[in-house]
Protein backbone atom coordinates (compact mmCIF):
# COMPACT_ATOMS: atom_id res chain seq x y z
CA MET A 1 -16.04 7.09 25.80
CA PRO A 2 -17.30 3.48 25.72
CA SER A 3 -18.37 2.04 29.04
CA GLY A 4 -15.63 0.16 30.85
CA ALA A 5 -12.83 1.86 28.92
CA THR A 6 -9.88 3.30 30.82
CA PRO A 7 -9.59 7.12 30.65
CA TRP A 8 -6.89 8.00 28.12
CA PRO A 9 -4.76 10.30 30.32
CA LEU A 10 -4.62 7.72 33.12
CA ALA A 11 -3.91 4.88 30.74
CA PHE A 12 -0.94 6.61 29.15
CA ARG A 13 0.51 8.52 32.09
CA ALA A 14 2.93 5.70 32.87
CA THR A 15 4.10 5.20 29.28
CA THR A 16 6.80 7.85 29.16
CA GLY A 17 9.82 5.53 29.28
CA SER A 18 11.91 3.99 26.54
CA MET A 19 9.11 1.59 25.55
CA ARG A 20 6.58 4.39 25.19
CA LEU A 21 5.51 3.86 21.57
CA PRO A 22 4.99 0.06 21.58
CA ARG A 23 3.34 0.16 25.02
CA GLN A 24 0.92 2.88 23.99
CA ALA A 25 0.09 1.04 20.77
CA TRP A 26 -0.52 -2.12 22.79
CA LEU A 27 -2.80 -0.32 25.26
CA LEU A 28 -4.85 1.21 22.46
CA ALA A 29 -5.12 -2.07 20.56
CA LYS A 30 -6.01 -3.97 23.73
CA ASN A 31 -8.77 -1.49 24.52
CA ASP A 32 -10.25 -1.85 21.03
CA LEU A 33 -9.97 -5.63 21.13
CA ARG A 34 -11.64 -5.75 24.55
CA GLN A 35 -14.55 -3.74 23.24
CA GLU A 36 -14.77 -5.88 20.11
CA LEU A 37 -14.71 -9.15 22.06
CA ARG A 38 -17.51 -7.75 24.19
CA ASP A 39 -19.69 -6.71 21.22
CA LEU A 40 -18.45 -9.05 18.44
CA GLU A 41 -20.07 -6.64 16.01
CA LEU A 42 -17.14 -6.17 13.64
CA VAL A 43 -15.91 -9.77 13.83
CA ALA A 44 -19.37 -11.22 13.22
CA THR A 45 -20.02 -8.88 10.28
CA ALA A 46 -16.64 -9.54 8.65
CA GLY A 47 -16.87 -13.29 9.26
CA PHE A 48 -20.37 -13.57 7.81
CA PHE A 49 -19.36 -11.48 4.80
CA THR A 50 -16.34 -13.76 4.23
CA LEU A 51 -18.57 -16.84 4.24
CA VAL A 52 -21.01 -15.24 1.81
CA VAL A 53 -18.21 -14.28 -0.59
CA LEU A 54 -16.71 -17.77 -0.33
CA VAL A 55 -20.06 -19.42 -1.16
CA MET A 56 -20.53 -17.07 -4.11
CA PHE A 57 -17.08 -17.95 -5.44
CA GLY A 58 -17.85 -21.65 -5.08
CA LEU A 59 -21.18 -21.37 -6.92
CA SER A 60 -19.72 -19.18 -9.66
CA PHE A 61 -16.48 -21.04 -10.38
CA ALA A 62 -17.25 -24.62 -9.37
CA ALA A 63 -17.04 -25.81 -13.00
CA LEU A 64 -13.71 -24.09 -13.64
CA GLY A 65 -11.04 -26.42 -15.04
CA ARG A 66 -8.03 -27.24 -12.89
CA SER A 67 -5.65 -25.65 -15.40
CA ALA A 68 -7.50 -22.32 -15.11
CA GLN A 69 -7.87 -22.35 -11.34
CA PRO A 70 -4.36 -20.94 -10.58
CA LEU A 71 -5.41 -17.88 -12.56
CA ALA A 72 -8.71 -17.44 -10.71
CA ILE A 73 -7.88 -18.34 -7.09
CA PRO A 74 -5.53 -15.35 -6.47
CA GLY A 75 -8.23 -12.98 -7.65
CA MET A 76 -10.81 -14.60 -5.38
CA LEU A 77 -8.49 -14.41 -2.38
CA TRP A 78 -7.47 -10.79 -2.70
CA LEU A 79 -10.84 -9.50 -3.86
CA ALA A 80 -12.31 -10.98 -0.69
CA VAL A 81 -9.55 -9.36 1.38
CA ALA A 82 -10.26 -6.00 -0.31
CA PHE A 83 -14.00 -6.22 0.38
CA VAL A 84 -13.64 -7.39 3.98
CA GLY A 85 -10.90 -4.82 4.57
CA ALA A 86 -13.07 -1.97 3.31
CA LEU A 87 -15.91 -3.16 5.53
CA THR A 88 -13.57 -3.25 8.53
CA LEU A 89 -11.89 0.09 7.86
CA THR A 90 -15.19 1.95 7.57
CA ARG A 91 -15.91 0.95 11.18
CA ILE A 92 -12.48 1.03 12.79
CA PHE A 93 -12.89 4.64 14.04
CA ASP A 94 -16.64 4.35 14.72
CA ARG A 95 -16.36 4.15 18.53
CA GLU A 96 -14.25 7.32 18.69
CA ARG A 97 -16.54 9.13 16.27
CA GLU A 98 -19.81 8.10 17.92
CA SER A 99 -18.55 8.78 21.46
CA ASP A 100 -16.69 11.94 20.39
CA THR A 101 -13.51 10.70 22.06
CA LEU A 102 -11.12 11.27 19.17
CA ARG A 103 -10.30 14.81 20.32
CA ALA A 104 -9.78 13.54 23.87
CA LEU A 105 -7.42 10.88 22.54
CA LEU A 106 -5.43 13.49 20.63
CA SER A 107 -5.17 15.69 23.72
CA ALA A 108 -3.89 12.79 25.83
CA PRO A 109 -0.12 12.19 26.22
CA VAL A 110 -0.07 9.58 23.47
CA GLU A 111 2.09 9.32 20.37
CA ARG A 112 0.12 9.75 17.14
CA LEU A 113 2.06 6.88 15.59
CA SER A 114 0.79 4.54 18.32
CA ILE A 115 -2.81 5.28 17.25
CA TYR A 116 -1.90 4.34 13.69
CA LEU A 117 -0.18 1.13 14.78
CA ALA A 118 -3.03 0.14 17.11
CA LYS A 119 -5.80 0.71 14.58
CA GLY A 120 -3.76 -1.05 11.91
CA ALA A 121 -3.10 -4.00 14.21
CA VAL A 122 -6.80 -4.42 15.02
CA THR A 123 -7.73 -4.25 11.33
CA LEU A 124 -4.95 -6.72 10.47
CA LEU A 125 -6.18 -9.19 13.10
CA VAL A 126 -9.72 -9.06 11.68
CA LEU A 127 -8.42 -9.62 8.14
CA LEU A 128 -6.18 -12.51 9.18
CA GLY A 129 -9.08 -14.08 11.06
CA CYS A 130 -11.18 -13.93 7.90
CA CYS A 131 -8.28 -15.39 5.89
CA LEU A 132 -8.26 -18.35 8.30
CA VAL A 133 -11.72 -19.11 6.92
CA LEU A 134 -11.10 -17.99 3.34
CA VAL A 135 -7.92 -19.90 2.52
CA PRO A 136 -9.10 -23.33 3.79
CA GLY A 137 -12.40 -22.70 2.00
CA LEU A 138 -10.58 -22.14 -1.30
CA VAL A 139 -8.57 -25.32 -0.69
CA LEU A 140 -11.79 -27.31 -0.23
CA LEU A 141 -13.59 -25.78 -3.20
CA PHE A 142 -10.79 -25.82 -5.78
CA PRO A 143 -8.27 -28.67 -6.30
CA ALA A 144 -5.53 -26.26 -7.43
CA GLY A 145 -5.73 -24.59 -4.04
CA ALA A 146 -4.19 -27.68 -2.44
CA VAL A 147 -0.84 -25.89 -2.77
CA PHE A 148 -1.91 -23.69 0.14
CA ALA A 149 -2.19 -26.77 2.34
CA GLU A 150 1.06 -28.28 1.01
CA ARG A 151 3.04 -25.10 1.78
CA PRO A 152 1.31 -23.61 4.83
CA LEU A 153 4.24 -21.51 6.04
CA THR A 154 4.77 -19.83 2.67
CA THR A 155 1.02 -19.28 2.38
CA ALA A 156 0.89 -17.70 5.84
CA VAL A 157 3.81 -15.37 5.04
CA LEU A 158 2.20 -14.35 1.75
CA VAL A 159 -1.20 -13.66 3.33
CA VAL A 160 0.31 -11.64 6.19
CA LEU A 161 2.49 -9.55 3.86
CA GLY A 162 -0.40 -8.82 1.51
CA CYS A 163 -2.75 -7.89 4.35
CA VAL A 164 -0.14 -5.61 5.97
CA ALA A 165 0.28 -3.69 2.71
CA TYR A 166 -3.49 -3.24 2.44
CA VAL A 167 -3.91 -2.21 6.07
CA ALA A 168 -1.01 0.27 5.96
CA VAL A 169 -2.77 2.29 3.28
CA GLY A 170 -6.32 1.72 4.47
CA THR A 171 -5.76 2.80 8.08
CA LEU A 172 -4.25 6.09 6.95
CA PHE A 173 -7.26 7.07 4.86
CA ALA A 174 -9.76 5.71 7.38
CA ALA A 175 -8.27 8.18 9.86
CA GLY A 176 -8.57 10.99 7.33
CA LEU A 177 -12.28 10.32 6.93
CA ALA A 178 -12.98 9.53 10.59
CA GLN A 179 -15.05 12.68 11.10
CA SER A 180 -16.64 12.85 7.63
CA GLY A 181 -20.35 12.33 7.28
CA GLY A 182 -20.17 10.25 4.09
CA LYS A 183 -17.03 8.42 5.10
CA ASN A 184 -18.27 4.96 4.05
CA VAL A 185 -18.72 5.97 0.43
CA LEU A 186 -15.66 8.21 0.32
CA LEU A 187 -13.38 5.59 1.86
CA SER A 188 -14.44 2.96 -0.68
CA VAL A 189 -13.89 5.39 -3.56
CA ILE A 190 -10.41 6.31 -2.30
CA LEU A 191 -9.37 2.95 -0.88
CA TYR A 192 -9.67 0.62 -3.86
CA PRO A 193 -7.55 2.64 -6.32
CA LEU A 194 -4.82 3.36 -3.75
CA THR A 195 -4.57 -0.22 -2.51
CA SER A 196 -4.66 -1.73 -6.00
CA PRO A 197 -0.84 -1.81 -6.46
CA ALA A 198 -0.35 -3.70 -3.18
CA LEU A 199 -3.20 -6.08 -3.95
CA MET A 200 -1.92 -6.70 -7.48
CA TRP A 201 1.55 -7.53 -6.18
CA ALA A 202 0.04 -9.90 -3.64
CA LEU A 203 -2.04 -11.44 -6.43
CA VAL A 204 1.04 -12.00 -8.61
CA SER A 205 2.86 -13.58 -5.65
CA THR A 206 -0.12 -15.87 -4.97
CA ARG A 207 -0.18 -17.01 -8.59
CA ALA A 208 3.56 -17.70 -8.39
CA LEU A 209 2.92 -19.85 -5.32
CA LEU A 210 0.16 -21.84 -7.01
CA GLU A 211 2.22 -22.38 -10.16
CA GLY A 212 5.45 -23.23 -8.31
CA HIS A 213 7.33 -20.29 -9.83
CA PRO A 214 11.07 -20.31 -9.00
CA ASP A 215 11.08 -16.56 -8.31
CA LEU A 216 8.46 -16.79 -5.54
CA ASN A 217 10.96 -15.84 -2.82
CA THR A 218 11.92 -12.73 -4.80
CA TYR A 219 8.26 -11.72 -4.99
CA LEU A 220 7.85 -12.19 -1.25
CA ILE A 221 10.97 -10.11 -0.50
CA GLN A 222 9.69 -7.33 -2.73
CA LEU A 223 6.28 -7.50 -1.09
CA ALA A 224 7.94 -7.24 2.34
CA ALA A 225 9.90 -4.20 1.15
CA LEU A 226 6.63 -2.65 -0.06
CA ASP A 227 5.14 -3.28 3.40
CA VAL A 228 8.01 -1.47 5.10
CA LEU A 229 7.67 1.47 2.70
CA LEU A 230 3.89 1.76 3.11
CA VAL A 231 3.97 1.45 6.91
CA ALA A 232 6.74 4.07 7.14
CA LEU A 233 4.88 6.42 4.80
CA GLY A 234 1.63 5.91 6.69
CA GLY A 235 3.36 6.59 10.00
CA VAL A 236 4.86 9.83 8.68
CA LEU A 237 1.58 11.12 7.22
CA PHE A 238 -0.79 9.85 9.90
CA GLU A 239 -0.55 12.77 12.32
CA ALA A 240 -1.20 15.37 9.64
CA VAL A 241 -4.13 13.37 8.22
CA LEU A 242 -5.72 12.63 11.61
CA VAL A 243 -5.27 16.11 13.11
CA GLY A 244 -6.52 17.71 9.89
CA SER A 245 -9.60 15.47 9.93
CA THR A 246 -10.34 16.19 13.60
CA GLY A 247 -9.73 19.91 13.22
CA ARG A 248 -12.38 20.33 10.54
CA LYS A 249 -15.62 21.67 12.01
CA PRO A 250 -18.96 20.49 10.66
CA ALA A 251 -20.69 23.02 8.41
CA ARG A 252 -23.67 23.38 10.79
CA GLU A 253 -21.40 24.19 13.74
CA ARG A 254 -19.53 26.83 11.73
CA GLY A 255 -22.85 28.34 10.68
CA ARG A 256 -24.05 28.60 14.27
CA ARG A 257 -20.85 30.35 15.38
CA ARG A 258 -21.12 32.91 12.59
CA ARG A 259 -24.63 33.77 13.73
């Protein structure tokens, strides 16, 4: 367990009332955020990566005509979210894996769904923080991106909905690979195909925003419905995925026991 962290059984002993699930999720997320604010490892890595991607987009597409920019900006935005999200998700269970506290967490009186919600919330906060850099950067680099500044509330809703859809899927599979040795490679291989539908829908909605499409609200409602479906599905499957991942013994340990 990381230094300074509250022991899991003591932290969750008082969360047996009617607000058990949200309180447990909050305690878990707060613990992760406290550790992250202390180390700034994940935030610094994701932030630097966002800046690098933004500079590369600017250098590559600076000469792009204004009429073509509404076609390119959505791809830049959501490709950056996909890359930063994959980077974040490969590290979201690192503390539990390195300290071997995942089994202790599962044996504590804590709802499995609260672990899913907490890890998803931390990942979502990192992604939204990167989007706070990414979206203004696109506005400065590309004139067609001025729509983001003209409609900030709609832009914020769109970014949050798209990131929630990505995180709902990504957190589930990050948990499934939490104890795998080659989890970084495996997660990237699995994550991009499975999150493509959500990212494509977010991309279409972003293009509709930039082009002033009259059906933009319909796209946002459908994206919100997709979020609800993915979060519900992830919550249902999370316990089986996490417990199955934790229950698998490394090959070396199995070999020693057979001897």
